[in-house]
Protein backbone atom coordinates (compact mmCIF):
# COMPACT_ATOMS: atom_id res chain seq x y z
CA GLN A 1 56.30 67.53 9.88
CA ALA A 2 59.52 65.53 9.39
CA GLU A 3 57.73 63.51 6.72
CA GLU A 4 56.69 66.70 4.94
CA GLU A 5 60.27 68.01 5.08
CA LEU A 6 61.56 64.71 3.68
CA LYS A 7 59.02 64.80 0.87
CA ALA A 8 59.97 68.40 0.06
CA ALA A 9 63.68 67.56 0.10
CA TRP A 10 63.03 64.47 -2.03
CA SER A 11 60.97 66.49 -4.47
CA GLN A 12 63.69 69.12 -4.67
CA GLN A 13 66.36 66.51 -5.37
CA VAL A 14 64.21 64.85 -8.02
CA GLY A 15 63.75 68.25 -9.66
CA GLN A 16 67.51 68.86 -9.55
CA LEU A 17 68.16 65.43 -11.08
CA ARG A 18 65.68 66.11 -13.85
CA GLU A 19 67.33 69.48 -14.50
CA MET A 20 70.76 67.83 -14.59
CA GLY A 21 69.44 65.19 -16.99
CA HIS A 22 68.01 67.90 -19.21
CA ARG A 23 71.33 69.79 -19.17
CA GLU A 24 73.23 66.59 -19.94
CA HIS A 25 70.92 65.95 -22.89
CA LEU A 26 71.51 69.51 -24.19
CA LEU A 27 75.28 69.15 -23.76
CA ARG A 28 75.32 65.82 -25.60
CA SER A 29 73.30 67.38 -28.38
CA ASP A 30 75.72 70.33 -28.57
CA VAL A 31 78.73 67.99 -28.63
CA GLN A 32 77.17 65.92 -31.41
CA ARG A 33 76.38 69.04 -33.44
CA ALA A 34 79.93 70.37 -32.92
CA GLY A 35 81.33 67.02 -34.10
CA GLU A 36 79.19 67.14 -37.22
CA GLN A 37 80.29 70.72 -37.90
CA LEU A 38 83.93 69.71 -37.46
CA GLU A 39 83.56 66.83 -39.91
CA SER A 40 81.87 69.13 -42.39
CA PHE A 41 84.61 71.74 -41.97
CA LYS A 42 87.39 69.16 -42.41
CA THR A 43 85.74 67.81 -45.55
CA ARG A 44 85.32 71.31 -47.00
CA VAL A 45 88.96 72.17 -46.20
CA MET A 46 90.15 69.02 -47.97
CA GLN A 47 87.88 69.67 -50.95
CA VAL A 48 89.20 73.21 -51.28
CA CYS A 49 92.81 72.14 -50.80
CA SER A 50 92.66 69.11 -53.00
CA PRO A 51 89.32 67.97 -54.44
CA SER A 52 90.72 64.60 -55.49
CA ALA A 53 92.20 63.95 -52.02
CA ALA A 54 88.89 64.62 -50.32
CA GLY A 55 87.23 61.75 -52.15
CA SER A 56 83.58 61.19 -51.55
CA THR A 57 81.78 63.23 -48.93
CA GLU A 58 80.88 59.98 -47.18
CA LYS A 59 84.51 59.41 -46.28
CA SER A 60 85.55 60.85 -42.97
CA VAL A 61 88.50 63.21 -43.28
CA THR A 62 90.92 62.91 -40.39
CA GLU A 63 92.34 65.89 -38.55
CA GLN A 64 95.83 64.64 -39.46
CA GLN A 65 94.96 64.79 -43.17
CA VAL A 66 93.76 68.37 -42.80
CA ILE A 67 96.87 69.34 -40.82
CA GLU A 68 99.18 67.71 -43.38
CA LYS A 69 97.40 69.42 -46.27
CA VAL A 70 97.56 72.82 -44.57
CA ARG A 71 101.28 72.28 -43.87
CA GLN A 72 101.85 71.26 -47.48
CA ILE A 73 100.08 74.37 -48.74
CA SER A 74 102.04 76.51 -46.29
CA ASP A 75 105.33 74.98 -47.46
CA GLU A 76 104.38 75.48 -51.11
CA ASN A 77 103.45 79.08 -50.35
CA GLN A 78 106.82 79.66 -48.67
CA GLN A 79 108.67 78.09 -51.60
CA SER A 80 106.71 80.23 -54.05
CA HIS A 81 107.54 83.33 -52.05
CA GLU A 82 111.23 82.44 -52.00
CA ARG A 83 111.16 81.70 -55.74
CA GLU A 84 109.46 85.05 -56.38
CA LYS A 85 112.17 86.86 -54.39
CA SER A 86 114.85 85.00 -56.31
CA LEU A 87 113.26 85.87 -59.66
CA GLN A 88 112.93 89.52 -58.61
CA LYS A 89 116.65 89.63 -57.77
CA GLU A 90 117.50 87.99 -61.07
CA LEU A 91 115.28 90.45 -62.94
CA SER A 92 116.88 93.41 -61.15
CA SER A 93 120.32 92.07 -62.00
CA ARG A 94 119.41 91.64 -65.67
CA LEU A 95 117.89 95.11 -65.83
CA GLU A 96 121.07 96.57 -64.35
CA LYS A 97 123.18 94.71 -66.93
CA GLU A 98 120.86 95.93 -69.68
CA ARG A 99 121.35 99.51 -68.47
CA GLU A 100 125.11 99.04 -68.48
CA VAL A 101 125.03 97.60 -72.01
CA SER A 102 122.81 100.49 -73.16
CA ALA A 103 125.20 103.00 -71.60
CA ASN A 104 128.17 101.26 -73.26
CA ILE A 105 126.39 101.32 -76.62
CA GLU A 106 125.74 105.03 -76.17
CA VAL A 107 129.43 105.62 -75.39
CA PHE A 108 130.39 103.51 -78.40
CA LYS A 109 128.03 105.51 -80.68
CA ASN A 110 129.43 108.79 -79.41
CA SER A 111 132.99 107.57 -79.93
CA LEU A 112 132.12 106.37 -83.44
CA GLN A 113 130.56 109.71 -84.32
CA LYS A 114 133.67 111.55 -83.10
CA LEU A 115 135.87 109.30 -85.20
CA GLN A 116 133.78 110.04 -88.27
């Protein structure tokens, strides 16, 4: 009976080991697939951000390159936004001056007509 119990326990442990091996294989496969997806994503990001910087698709794009490119784009976006705000202020100022000049011309015309 002890021998039967040992065989059953041994069989159970072998089954557990096989199951663990199967799970490990699936996890390794998932990790490999995730790595491939990450590489593909990084390459696509670099191609969208800067096609010439991405180079050939065979080249591996580093995470640091992607991060630097995203930061660069973010900085450029911020600068563009600030420039747009500055230009809007300048435009508003010029429009206000134009209104003042138009009003002054109107006053001048009225004064000229009264003089005539």
